[in-house]
Protein backbone atom coordinates (compact mmCIF):
# COMPACT_ATOMS: atom_id res chain seq x y z
CA MET A 1 0.00 0.00 0.00
CA ALA A 2 2.89 2.36 0.73
CA PHE A 3 4.10 1.95 -2.85
CA TYR A 4 0.79 3.19 -4.25
CA VAL A 5 0.70 6.17 -1.89
CA ASN A 6 4.24 7.10 -2.93
CA LEU A 7 3.31 6.76 -6.59
CA ILE A 8 0.21 8.93 -6.16
CA GLN A 9 2.26 11.54 -4.32
CA ILE A 10 4.86 11.66 -7.09
CA VAL A 11 2.20 12.08 -9.78
CA VAL A 12 0.40 14.79 -7.80
CA SER A 13 3.66 16.64 -7.11
CA ILE A 14 4.61 16.68 -10.80
CA ALA A 15 1.14 17.96 -11.73
CA LEU A 16 1.36 20.61 -8.98
CA ILE A 17 4.72 21.82 -10.26
CA ALA A 18 3.34 22.04 -13.80
CA ALA A 19 0.28 23.98 -12.64
CA ILE A 20 2.41 26.47 -10.70
CA VAL A 21 4.80 27.00 -13.61
CA LEU A 22 1.87 27.62 -15.97
CA GLN A 23 0.63 30.38 -13.66
CA SER A 24 3.90 32.32 -13.53
CA LYS A 25 3.92 35.67 -15.29
CA GLY A 26 5.86 35.91 -18.53
CA ALA A 27 5.81 32.16 -19.07
CA GLY A 28 3.14 29.65 -19.85
CA LEU A 29 -0.48 30.70 -19.72
CA GLY A 30 0.31 33.79 -17.64
CA GLY A 31 1.50 35.69 -20.71
CA ILE A 32 -1.48 34.80 -22.89
CA SER A 33 -3.71 37.45 -21.33
CA GLY A 34 -1.54 40.19 -22.84
CA SER A 35 -1.15 42.19 -19.67
CA SER A 36 2.43 41.98 -18.56
CA GLU A 37 1.86 44.39 -15.69
CA GLY A 38 -0.98 44.71 -13.28
CA GLY A 39 -1.98 44.67 -9.68
CA VAL A 40 -1.73 41.72 -7.42
CA PHE A 41 -5.49 41.60 -6.96
CA ARG A 42 -7.42 41.12 -10.15
CA ALA A 43 -10.28 38.99 -11.39
CA ARG A 44 -9.44 35.56 -12.72
CA ARG A 45 -11.55 34.41 -15.62
CA GLY A 46 -11.72 31.41 -17.90
CA VAL A 47 -8.72 29.13 -18.10
CA GLU A 48 -6.79 31.14 -15.52
CA LYS A 49 -9.51 30.62 -12.90
CA LEU A 50 -9.72 26.91 -13.73
CA LEU A 51 -5.94 26.55 -13.41
CA PHE A 52 -5.98 28.46 -10.10
CA ASN A 53 -8.67 26.19 -8.66
CA PHE A 54 -6.90 23.10 -10.01
CA THR A 55 -3.70 24.21 -8.24
CA ILE A 56 -5.58 24.51 -4.95
CA VAL A 57 -7.04 21.02 -5.36
CA LEU A 58 -3.63 19.59 -6.21
CA SER A 59 -2.01 21.22 -3.17
CA VAL A 60 -4.68 19.79 -0.86
CA LEU A 61 -4.20 16.35 -2.43
CA PHE A 62 -0.44 16.63 -2.03
CA PHE A 63 -0.67 17.44 1.69
CA ALA A 64 -3.27 14.71 2.24
CA THR A 65 -1.07 12.09 0.57
CA ALA A 66 1.92 13.34 2.57
CA ILE A 67 0.01 12.87 5.82
CA VAL A 68 -1.21 9.41 4.76
CA ASN A 69 2.36 8.52 3.78
CA VAL A 70 3.65 9.49 7.23
CA VAL A 71 0.90 7.55 8.99
CA ILE A 72 1.52 4.43 6.91
CA SER A 73 5.30 4.61 7.28
CA GLY A 74 5.22 5.34 11.01
């Protein structure tokens, strides 16, 4: 069972890294909107909002699998 938890955690961590990189300004989907400058607080719409919510879900999954991994290993 520990093998599968480790595998799930690796897959989730790679997906989380990819989602964070896609959100960075000047690279990935961050530069598609055309606004290179702007305030920190602005409305997210469309794909950007979906990617933001997906990143939150992935981070919660990552921490949940990390806790399960510690409980199983300990």
